[in-house]
Amino acid sequence: MQRTIKAALGMASGTVVAMFALQGQAFAAGEKLTCMIILNAKSGEVIAKEGEICDKRNSPASTFKVPLALMGFESGILQDSHNPSWPYKEGYPAWRESWKQSVDPTYWEDQSVVWFSQELTRKLGKEQFQKYTDELNYGNRDLSGDPGKDNGLLRSWISSSLTISPNEQVDFLLKMVNQKLPFSEVATTKTMAILPTHELSNGWTAHGKTGSGYETGPKGKPDRRRQFGWYVGWAEKNDEKVVFVRLNKNMPVGKGGLGPITRDEQWVTLEKTLK
């Protein structure tokens, strides 16, 4: 009897180990999920589109710095490319050394400084922050933050409640570059002026913002085993202009954020696709 029980337990234990091993293999072999979109900015015509997650919402992460800049300039809190310059203070989130200094709007976008975003939303306040997000019709417009933590003012866009799909991102960008958003032309122009640029080998200039983060798990918390990466923006050459979005998901954790990897992939795609 005891031998039978031990044998059964051994089989059960072996089954559990095998199950975990299989799960690990499945995760390791998990297929990368992608959406890539390029639209003609004038006509809205699709130049290229691929992937299976273009209609799936995801945390915007640092790509939300684009609408945040619009809000900052529209409200007057941000003045121009280099004003205001806010000093770093002890206690601010700064997991990069490059964040531990005074930061202006251009440096904020280039270095993706989280604490600058949070100081901006603090100055906006909950009511104005929600009002602007609603006016932009940005994704699900949910600024509640992590469940039960009342931290939406500071974290709703960081693997939290606010989500947006690639289709919605590209629609937002199309409206922005065509001055079709319900914000002033001045705010839109100033926002576009502070985004990082890159000269492509085919003569086009790409302007865009990366975003990196962890995917949300079943309990609404970030799953630190998997990363996602965004790169969103527009490219121009002479009088031609396109808007683009790329989202990569279901990627294992690696060194650095997935946003820069996604950006580099999109640069190659833009060079191959655009003449």
C-alpha atoms as a PDB file:
ATOM      1  CA  MET A   1       0.000   0.000   0.000  1.00  0.00           C
ATOM      2  CA  GLN A   2       2.756   2.414   1.034  1.00  0.00           C
ATOM      3  CA  ARG A   3       4.731   1.505  -2.080  1.00  0.00           C
ATOM      4  CA  THR A   4       1.653   2.212  -4.199  1.00  0.00           C
ATOM      5  CA  ILE A   5       1.162   5.622  -2.556  1.00  0.00           C
ATOM      6  CA  LYS A   6       4.843   6.482  -2.972  1.00  0.00           C
ATOM      7  CA  ALA A   7       4.739   5.422  -6.598  1.00  0.00           C
ATOM      8  CA  ALA A   8       1.625   7.518  -7.182  1.00  0.00           C
ATOM      9  CA  LEU A   9       3.210  10.516  -5.485  1.00  0.00           C
ATOM     10  CA  GLY A  10       6.332  10.040  -7.543  1.00  0.00           C
ATOM     11  CA  MET A  11       4.301   9.953 -10.742  1.00  0.00           C
ATOM     12  CA  ALA A  12       2.343  13.047  -9.674  1.00  0.00           C
ATOM     13  CA  SER A  13       5.533  14.873  -8.778  1.00  0.00           C
ATOM     14  CA  GLY A  14       7.056  13.930 -12.095  1.00  0.00           C
ATOM     15  CA  THR A  15       3.931  15.131 -13.885  1.00  0.00           C
ATOM     16  CA  VAL A  16       4.066  18.521 -12.125  1.00  0.00           C
ATOM     17  CA  VAL A  17       7.758  18.919 -12.961  1.00  0.00           C
ATOM     18  CA  ALA A  18       7.041  17.974 -16.559  1.00  0.00           C
ATOM     19  CA  MET A  19       4.175  20.474 -16.717  1.00  0.00           C
ATOM     20  CA  PHE A  20       6.399  23.301 -15.476  1.00  0.00           C
ATOM     21  CA  ALA A  21       9.101  22.243 -17.924  1.00  0.00           C
ATOM     22  CA  LEU A  22       6.620  22.301 -20.788  1.00  0.00           C
ATOM     23  CA  GLN A  23       5.319  25.705 -19.688  1.00  0.00           C
ATOM     24  CA  GLY A  24       8.882  26.996 -19.624  1.00  0.00           C
ATOM     25  CA  GLN A  25       9.495  25.627 -23.112  1.00  0.00           C
ATOM     26  CA  ALA A  26       6.259  27.175 -24.354  1.00  0.00           C
ATOM     27  CA  PHE A  27       7.199  30.536 -22.859  1.00  0.00           C
ATOM     28  CA  ALA A  28      10.748  30.394 -24.205  1.00  0.00           C
ATOM     29  CA  ALA A  29       9.400  29.536 -27.633  1.00  0.00           C
ATOM     30  CA  GLY A  30       6.638  32.127 -27.373  1.00  0.00           C
ATOM     31  CA  GLU A  31       5.966  33.777 -30.693  1.00  0.00           C
ATOM     32  CA  LYS A  32       6.774  37.472 -30.913  1.00  0.00           C
ATOM     33  CA  LEU A  33       3.619  39.488 -31.563  1.00  0.00           C
ATOM     34  CA  THR A  34       3.887  42.567 -33.744  1.00  0.00           C
ATOM     35  CA  CYS A  35       1.873  45.325 -35.341  1.00  0.00           C
ATOM     36  CA  MET A  36       3.441  47.671 -37.877  1.00  0.00           C
ATOM     37  CA  ILE A  37       1.540  50.412 -39.703  1.00  0.00           C
ATOM     38  CA  ILE A  38       2.659  53.114 -42.152  1.00  0.00           C
ATOM     39  CA  LEU A  39       0.087  55.581 -43.512  1.00  0.00           C
ATOM     40  CA  ASN A  40       0.334  58.397 -46.032  1.00  0.00           C
ATOM     41  CA  ALA A  41      -0.131  61.433 -43.799  1.00  0.00           C
ATOM     42  CA  LYS A  42      -1.958  63.450 -46.454  1.00  0.00           C
ATOM     43  CA  SER A  43      -4.415  60.870 -47.779  1.00  0.00           C
ATOM     44  CA  GLY A  44      -4.533  58.408 -44.892  1.00  0.00           C
ATOM     45  CA  GLU A  45      -3.830  55.622 -47.399  1.00  0.00           C
ATOM     46  CA  VAL A  46      -2.224  52.485 -45.988  1.00  0.00           C
ATOM     47  CA  ILE A  47       1.311  52.119 -47.333  1.00  0.00           C
ATOM     48  CA  ALA A  48       2.166  49.061 -45.248  1.00  0.00           C
ATOM     49  CA  LYS A  49       0.435  47.136 -42.485  1.00  0.00           C
ATOM     50  CA  GLU A  50       1.266  43.818 -40.880  1.00  0.00           C
ATOM     51  CA  GLY A  51       0.756  41.915 -37.655  1.00  0.00           C
ATOM     52  CA  GLU A  52      -1.985  40.357 -35.577  1.00  0.00           C
ATOM     53  CA  ILE A  53      -2.338  42.831 -32.694  1.00  0.00           C
ATOM     54  CA  CYS A  54      -3.143  46.119 -34.439  1.00  0.00           C
ATOM     55  CA  ASP A  55      -6.547  46.303 -32.746  1.00  0.00           C
ATOM     56  CA  LYS A  56      -5.327  45.121 -29.316  1.00  0.00           C
ATOM     57  CA  ARG A  57      -4.906  47.769 -26.641  1.00  0.00           C
ATOM     58  CA  ASN A  58      -1.676  47.982 -24.671  1.00  0.00           C
ATOM     59  CA  SER A  59      -0.126  50.358 -22.168  1.00  0.00           C
ATOM     60  CA  PRO A  60       1.357  53.326 -24.073  1.00  0.00           C
ATOM     61  CA  ALA A  61       4.311  53.599 -21.665  1.00  0.00           C
ATOM     62  CA  SER A  62       6.603  56.459 -22.728  1.00  0.00           C
ATOM     63  CA  THR A  63       4.807  57.044 -26.036  1.00  0.00           C
ATOM     64  CA  PHE A  64       2.311  58.848 -23.790  1.00  0.00           C
ATOM     65  CA  LYS A  65       4.890  61.631 -23.553  1.00  0.00           C
ATOM     66  CA  VAL A  66       3.568  62.807 -26.930  1.00  0.00           C
ATOM     67  CA  PRO A  67       0.040  63.626 -25.659  1.00  0.00           C
ATOM     68  CA  LEU A  68       1.560  64.785 -22.353  1.00  0.00           C
ATOM     69  CA  ALA A  69       3.618  67.349 -24.267  1.00  0.00           C
ATOM     70  CA  LEU A  70       0.470  68.513 -26.059  1.00  0.00           C
ATOM     71  CA  MET A  71      -1.240  68.955 -22.688  1.00  0.00           C
ATOM     72  CA  GLY A  72       1.762  70.775 -21.273  1.00  0.00           C
ATOM     73  CA  PHE A  73       1.970  73.281 -24.114  1.00  0.00           C
ATOM     74  CA  GLU A  74      -1.809  73.717 -24.357  1.00  0.00           C
ATOM     75  CA  SER A  75      -2.032  74.508 -20.638  1.00  0.00           C
ATOM     76  CA  GLY A  76       0.959  76.857 -20.687  1.00  0.00           C
ATOM     77  CA  ILE A  77       2.895  74.778 -18.147  1.00  0.00           C
ATOM     78  CA  LEU A  78       5.430  74.072 -20.894  1.00  0.00           C
ATOM     79  CA  GLN A  79       6.571  77.139 -22.807  1.00  0.00           C
ATOM     80  CA  ASP A  80       8.973  76.091 -25.557  1.00  0.00           C
ATOM     81  CA  SER A  81      11.635  73.510 -26.413  1.00  0.00           C
ATOM     82  CA  HIS A  82      13.878  74.481 -23.492  1.00  0.00           C
ATOM     83  CA  ASN A  83      11.526  76.081 -20.978  1.00  0.00           C
ATOM     84  CA  PRO A  84      10.775  75.389 -18.246  1.00  0.00           C
ATOM     85  CA  SER A  85      13.837  73.563 -16.939  1.00  0.00           C
ATOM     86  CA  TRP A  86      12.946  71.705 -13.752  1.00  0.00           C
ATOM     87  CA  PRO A  87      15.629  70.620 -11.284  1.00  0.00           C
ATOM     88  CA  TYR A  88      16.006  67.019 -10.202  1.00  0.00           C
ATOM     89  CA  LYS A  89      15.049  66.438  -6.562  1.00  0.00           C
ATOM     90  CA  GLU A  90      15.988  63.613  -4.233  1.00  0.00           C
ATOM     91  CA  GLY A  91      13.198  61.051  -4.172  1.00  0.00           C
ATOM     92  CA  TYR A  92      12.243  61.404  -7.838  1.00  0.00           C
ATOM     93  CA  PRO A  93      12.247  58.102  -9.767  1.00  0.00           C
ATOM     94  CA  ALA A  94      15.643  58.015 -11.474  1.00  0.00           C
ATOM     95  CA  TRP A  95      16.824  54.551 -12.457  1.00  0.00           C
ATOM     96  CA  ARG A  96      18.998  56.220 -15.094  1.00  0.00           C
ATOM     97  CA  GLU A  97      21.848  58.540 -14.149  1.00  0.00           C
ATOM     98  CA  SER A  98      20.878  60.807 -17.056  1.00  0.00           C
ATOM     99  CA  TRP A  99      17.677  61.715 -15.182  1.00  0.00           C
ATOM    100  CA  LYS A 100      19.509  63.133 -12.145  1.00  0.00           C
ATOM    101  CA  GLN A 101      19.828  66.663 -13.488  1.00  0.00           C
ATOM    102  CA  SER A 102      17.749  69.638 -14.569  1.00  0.00           C
ATOM    103  CA  VAL A 103      15.444  68.658 -17.417  1.00  0.00           C
ATOM    104  CA  ASP A 104      13.747  70.741 -20.122  1.00  0.00           C
ATOM    105  CA  PRO A 105      11.031  69.584 -22.580  1.00  0.00           C
ATOM    106  CA  THR A 106      13.470  68.495 -25.306  1.00  0.00           C
ATOM    107  CA  TYR A 107      15.668  66.529 -22.893  1.00  0.00           C
ATOM    108  CA  TRP A 108      12.544  65.018 -21.327  1.00  0.00           C
ATOM    109  CA  GLU A 109      11.449  63.483 -24.626  1.00  0.00           C
ATOM    110  CA  ASP A 110      14.952  62.470 -25.697  1.00  0.00           C
ATOM    111  CA  GLN A 111      15.879  60.765 -22.413  1.00  0.00           C
ATOM    112  CA  SER A 112      12.305  59.683 -21.564  1.00  0.00           C
ATOM    113  CA  VAL A 113      12.447  61.148 -18.056  1.00  0.00           C
ATOM    114  CA  VAL A 114       9.612  59.697 -15.961  1.00  0.00           C
ATOM    115  CA  TRP A 115       9.777  62.223 -13.119  1.00  0.00           C
ATOM    116  CA  PHE A 116       9.323  65.137 -15.537  1.00  0.00           C
ATOM    117  CA  SER A 117       6.109  63.510 -16.802  1.00  0.00           C
ATOM    118  CA  GLN A 118       4.904  63.091 -13.228  1.00  0.00           C
ATOM    119  CA  GLU A 119       5.683  66.692 -12.295  1.00  0.00           C
ATOM    120  CA  LEU A 120       3.732  67.788 -15.363  1.00  0.00           C
ATOM    121  CA  THR A 121       0.658  65.729 -14.445  1.00  0.00           C
ATOM    122  CA  ARG A 122       0.869  66.973 -10.839  1.00  0.00           C
ATOM    123  CA  LYS A 123       0.735  70.537 -12.120  1.00  0.00           C
ATOM    124  CA  LEU A 124      -2.168  69.689 -14.441  1.00  0.00           C
ATOM    125  CA  GLY A 125      -4.150  68.043 -11.623  1.00  0.00           C
ATOM    126  CA  LYS A 126      -6.585  65.148 -11.949  1.00  0.00           C
ATOM    127  CA  GLU A 127      -9.465  67.126 -13.428  1.00  0.00           C
ATOM    128  CA  GLN A 128      -7.482  68.863 -16.179  1.00  0.00           C
ATOM    129  CA  PHE A 129      -5.489  65.696 -16.916  1.00  0.00           C
ATOM    130  CA  GLN A 130      -8.698  63.731 -17.465  1.00  0.00           C
ATOM    131  CA  LYS A 131     -10.274  66.553 -19.470  1.00  0.00           C
ATOM    132  CA  TYR A 132      -7.371  66.700 -21.908  1.00  0.00           C
ATOM    133  CA  THR A 133      -7.205  62.904 -22.246  1.00  0.00           C
ATOM    134  CA  ASP A 134     -10.934  62.835 -23.027  1.00  0.00           C
ATOM    135  CA  GLU A 135     -10.585  65.648 -25.570  1.00  0.00           C
ATOM    136  CA  LEU A 136      -7.805  63.762 -27.333  1.00  0.00           C
ATOM    137  CA  ASN A 137      -9.943  60.591 -27.199  1.00  0.00           C
ATOM    138  CA  TYR A 138      -6.746  58.773 -26.318  1.00  0.00           C
ATOM    139  CA  GLY A 139      -7.243  54.997 -26.115  1.00  0.00           C
ATOM    140  CA  ASN A 140      -9.554  53.881 -23.313  1.00  0.00           C
ATOM    141  CA  ARG A 141      -9.035  57.239 -21.500  1.00  0.00           C
ATOM    142  CA  ASP A 142      -8.767  55.367 -18.172  1.00  0.00           C
ATOM    143  CA  LEU A 143      -6.548  57.340 -15.770  1.00  0.00           C
ATOM    144  CA  SER A 144      -7.534  55.433 -12.624  1.00  0.00           C
ATOM    145  CA  GLY A 145      -4.116  53.775 -12.215  1.00  0.00           C
ATOM    146  CA  ASP A 146      -3.307  50.516 -10.457  1.00  0.00           C
ATOM    147  CA  PRO A 147      -6.307  48.844  -8.755  1.00  0.00           C
ATOM    148  CA  GLY A 148      -6.852  50.208  -5.249  1.00  0.00           C
ATOM    149  CA  LYS A 149      -3.779  52.473  -5.259  1.00  0.00           C
ATOM    150  CA  ASP A 150      -5.199  55.823  -6.433  1.00  0.00           C
ATOM    151  CA  ASN A 151      -1.999  56.502  -8.385  1.00  0.00           C
ATOM    152  CA  GLY A 152      -3.448  57.290 -11.798  1.00  0.00           C
ATOM    153  CA  LEU A 153      -2.195  60.875 -11.817  1.00  0.00           C
ATOM    154  CA  LEU A 154       1.383  59.595 -11.691  1.00  0.00           C
ATOM    155  CA  ARG A 155       1.299  56.088 -13.170  1.00  0.00           C
ATOM    156  CA  SER A 156      -1.805  55.398 -15.274  1.00  0.00           C
ATOM    157  CA  TRP A 157       0.224  55.209 -18.504  1.00  0.00           C
ATOM    158  CA  ILE A 158       2.976  52.945 -17.068  1.00  0.00           C
ATOM    159  CA  SER A 159       1.745  49.328 -17.490  1.00  0.00           C
ATOM    160  CA  SER A 160      -1.441  50.356 -15.712  1.00  0.00           C
ATOM    161  CA  SER A 161      -5.018  51.398 -16.518  1.00  0.00           C
ATOM    162  CA  LEU A 162      -4.504  53.541 -19.627  1.00  0.00           C
ATOM    163  CA  THR A 163      -4.310  51.506 -22.833  1.00  0.00           C
ATOM    164  CA  ILE A 164      -4.324  52.213 -26.559  1.00  0.00           C
ATOM    165  CA  SER A 165      -4.154  50.058 -29.682  1.00  0.00           C
ATOM    166  CA  PRO A 166      -1.727  50.563 -32.575  1.00  0.00           C
ATOM    167  CA  ASN A 167      -4.709  51.470 -34.774  1.00  0.00           C
ATOM    168  CA  GLU A 168      -5.695  54.167 -32.282  1.00  0.00           C
ATOM    169  CA  GLN A 169      -2.103  55.383 -31.974  1.00  0.00           C
ATOM    170  CA  VAL A 170      -1.733  55.874 -35.711  1.00  0.00           C
ATOM    171  CA  ASP A 171      -5.098  57.664 -35.894  1.00  0.00           C
ATOM    172  CA  PHE A 172      -3.973  60.005 -33.099  1.00  0.00           C
ATOM    173  CA  LEU A 173      -0.692  60.721 -34.922  1.00  0.00           C
ATOM    174  CA  LEU A 174      -2.482  61.305 -38.224  1.00  0.00           C
ATOM    175  CA  LYS A 175      -4.642  63.944 -36.564  1.00  0.00           C
ATOM    176  CA  MET A 176      -1.645  65.520 -34.859  1.00  0.00           C
ATOM    177  CA  VAL A 177       0.522  65.973 -37.959  1.00  0.00           C
ATOM    178  CA  ASN A 178      -2.483  67.388 -39.841  1.00  0.00           C
ATOM    179  CA  GLN A 179      -3.432  69.799 -37.032  1.00  0.00           C
ATOM    180  CA  LYS A 180      -6.773  68.025 -36.568  1.00  0.00           C
ATOM    181  CA  LEU A 181      -6.599  67.585 -32.793  1.00  0.00           C
ATOM    182  CA  PRO A 182      -8.791  69.809 -30.577  1.00  0.00           C
ATOM    183  CA  PHE A 183      -5.681  71.645 -29.361  1.00  0.00           C
ATOM    184  CA  SER A 184      -4.085  74.838 -30.631  1.00  0.00           C
ATOM    185  CA  GLU A 185      -1.775  74.864 -33.626  1.00  0.00           C
ATOM    186  CA  VAL A 186       0.901  76.371 -31.379  1.00  0.00           C
ATOM    187  CA  ALA A 187       0.731  73.491 -28.873  1.00  0.00           C
ATOM    188  CA  THR A 188       0.867  70.912 -31.657  1.00  0.00           C
ATOM    189  CA  THR A 189       3.783  72.584 -33.449  1.00  0.00           C
ATOM    190  CA  LYS A 190       5.788  72.902 -30.229  1.00  0.00           C
ATOM    191  CA  THR A 191       5.130  69.253 -29.388  1.00  0.00           C
ATOM    192  CA  MET A 192       6.320  68.054 -32.776  1.00  0.00           C
ATOM    193  CA  ALA A 193       9.464  70.179 -32.432  1.00  0.00           C
ATOM    194  CA  ILE A 194      10.726  68.406 -29.298  1.00  0.00           C
ATOM    195  CA  LEU A 195      10.470  64.779 -30.401  1.00  0.00           C
ATOM    196  CA  PRO A 196      13.735  62.937 -31.188  1.00  0.00           C
ATOM    197  CA  THR A 197      14.737  62.805 -34.868  1.00  0.00           C
ATOM    198  CA  HIS A 198      16.828  60.430 -36.948  1.00  0.00           C
ATOM    199  CA  GLU A 199      18.127  60.771 -40.504  1.00  0.00           C
ATOM    200  CA  LEU A 200      17.377  57.618 -42.499  1.00  0.00           C
ATOM    201  CA  SER A 201      19.654  56.340 -45.265  1.00  0.00           C
ATOM    202  CA  ASN A 202      16.994  56.971 -47.942  1.00  0.00           C
ATOM    203  CA  GLY A 203      16.821  60.717 -47.304  1.00  0.00           C
ATOM    204  CA  TRP A 204      13.784  60.601 -45.023  1.00  0.00           C
ATOM    205  CA  THR A 205      13.814  62.037 -41.500  1.00  0.00           C
ATOM    206  CA  ALA A 206      12.041  60.066 -38.780  1.00  0.00           C
ATOM    207  CA  HIS A 207      10.543  61.807 -35.750  1.00  0.00           C
ATOM    208  CA  GLY A 208       9.257  59.591 -32.982  1.00  0.00           C
ATOM    209  CA  LYS A 209       8.980  58.357 -29.441  1.00  0.00           C
ATOM    210  CA  THR A 210       9.832  54.971 -28.006  1.00  0.00           C
ATOM    211  CA  GLY A 211       8.038  53.233 -25.173  1.00  0.00           C
ATOM    212  CA  SER A 212       9.067  50.207 -23.116  1.00  0.00           C
ATOM    213  CA  GLY A 213       7.316  48.310 -20.371  1.00  0.00           C
ATOM    214  CA  TYR A 214       6.121  45.047 -18.930  1.00  0.00           C
ATOM    215  CA  GLU A 215       2.954  43.359 -20.106  1.00  0.00           C
ATOM    216  CA  THR A 216       0.061  43.232 -17.668  1.00  0.00           C
ATOM    217  CA  GLY A 217      -0.592  39.879 -15.988  1.00  0.00           C
ATOM    218  CA  PRO A 218      -3.977  38.302 -15.136  1.00  0.00           C
ATOM    219  CA  LYS A 219      -4.251  40.174 -11.808  1.00  0.00           C
ATOM    220  CA  GLY A 220      -3.629  43.551 -13.395  1.00  0.00           C
ATOM    221  CA  LYS A 221      -0.008  43.716 -12.283  1.00  0.00           C
ATOM    222  CA  PRO A 222       3.036  44.008 -14.581  1.00  0.00           C
ATOM    223  CA  ASP A 223       4.408  40.615 -15.660  1.00  0.00           C
ATOM    224  CA  ARG A 224       8.147  41.159 -15.309  1.00  0.00           C
ATOM    225  CA  ARG A 225       8.936  38.094 -17.408  1.00  0.00           C
ATOM    226  CA  ARG A 226       7.707  39.757 -20.599  1.00  0.00           C
ATOM    227  CA  GLN A 227       8.376  43.127 -22.176  1.00  0.00           C
ATOM    228  CA  PHE A 228       6.691  45.190 -24.851  1.00  0.00           C
ATOM    229  CA  GLY A 229       8.115  47.969 -26.990  1.00  0.00           C
ATOM    230  CA  TRP A 230       6.617  50.825 -29.014  1.00  0.00           C
ATOM    231  CA  TYR A 231       7.946  53.260 -31.580  1.00  0.00           C
ATOM    232  CA  VAL A 232       5.464  55.830 -32.894  1.00  0.00           C
ATOM    233  CA  GLY A 233       5.853  58.975 -34.973  1.00  0.00           C
ATOM    234  CA  TRP A 234       6.118  60.326 -38.485  1.00  0.00           C
ATOM    235  CA  ALA A 235       8.706  60.629 -41.250  1.00  0.00           C
ATOM    236  CA  GLU A 236       9.121  63.270 -43.923  1.00  0.00           C
ATOM    237  CA  LYS A 237      11.060  63.951 -47.091  1.00  0.00           C
ATOM    238  CA  ASN A 238      10.566  67.167 -49.055  1.00  0.00           C
ATOM    239  CA  ASP A 239       6.766  67.552 -49.210  1.00  0.00           C
ATOM    240  CA  GLU A 240       6.029  63.881 -48.466  1.00  0.00           C
ATOM    241  CA  LYS A 241       5.020  62.710 -45.008  1.00  0.00           C
ATOM    242  CA  VAL A 242       3.957  59.428 -43.416  1.00  0.00           C
ATOM    243  CA  VAL A 243       2.878  58.431 -39.922  1.00  0.00           C
ATOM    244  CA  PHE A 244       3.903  55.103 -38.421  1.00  0.00           C
ATOM    245  CA  VAL A 245       3.460  52.813 -35.437  1.00  0.00           C
ATOM    246  CA  ARG A 246       5.249  49.642 -34.404  1.00  0.00           C
ATOM    247  CA  LEU A 247       4.419  47.551 -31.330  1.00  0.00           C
ATOM    248  CA  ASN A 248       6.324  44.405 -30.332  1.00  0.00           C
ATOM    249  CA  LYS A 249       4.945  42.136 -27.600  1.00  0.00           C
ATOM    250  CA  ASN A 250       5.488  38.767 -25.937  1.00  0.00           C
ATOM    251  CA  MET A 251       9.222  39.325 -25.758  1.00  0.00           C
ATOM    252  CA  PRO A 252      11.468  37.914 -23.017  1.00  0.00           C
ATOM    253  CA  VAL A 253      13.230  40.327 -20.706  1.00  0.00           C
ATOM    254  CA  GLY A 254      16.565  41.486 -22.072  1.00  0.00           C
ATOM    255  CA  LYS A 255      19.086  44.204 -21.373  1.00  0.00           C
ATOM    256  CA  GLY A 256      17.575  47.651 -21.664  1.00  0.00           C
ATOM    257  CA  GLY A 257      14.055  48.389 -22.827  1.00  0.00           C
ATOM    258  CA  LEU A 258      12.419  46.871 -25.867  1.00  0.00           C
ATOM    259  CA  GLY A 259      11.488  50.342 -27.162  1.00  0.00           C
ATOM    260  CA  PRO A 260      14.920  51.091 -28.695  1.00  0.00           C
ATOM    261  CA  ILE A 261      14.972  47.660 -30.363  1.00  0.00           C
ATOM    262  CA  THR A 262      11.508  48.317 -31.789  1.00  0.00           C
ATOM    263  CA  ARG A 263      12.648  51.762 -32.986  1.00  0.00           C
ATOM    264  CA  ASP A 264      15.657  50.295 -34.787  1.00  0.00           C
ATOM    265  CA  GLU A 265      13.434  47.697 -36.476  1.00  0.00           C
ATOM    266  CA  GLN A 266      11.101  50.431 -37.676  1.00  0.00           C
ATOM    267  CA  TRP A 267      13.957  52.529 -39.037  1.00  0.00           C
ATOM    268  CA  VAL A 268      14.964  49.562 -41.209  1.00  0.00           C
ATOM    269  CA  THR A 269      11.349  49.101 -42.337  1.00  0.00           C
ATOM    270  CA  LEU A 270      11.031  52.788 -43.234  1.00  0.00           C
ATOM    271  CA  GLU A 271      14.270  52.650 -45.219  1.00  0.00           C
ATOM    272  CA  LYS A 272      13.069  49.594 -47.157  1.00  0.00           C
ATOM    273  CA  THR A 273       9.504  50.826 -47.703  1.00  0.00           C
ATOM    274  CA  LEU A 274       9.886  54.520 -48.495  1.00  0.00           C
ATOM    275  CA  LYS A 275      11.534  55.842 -51.649  1.00  0.00           C
END
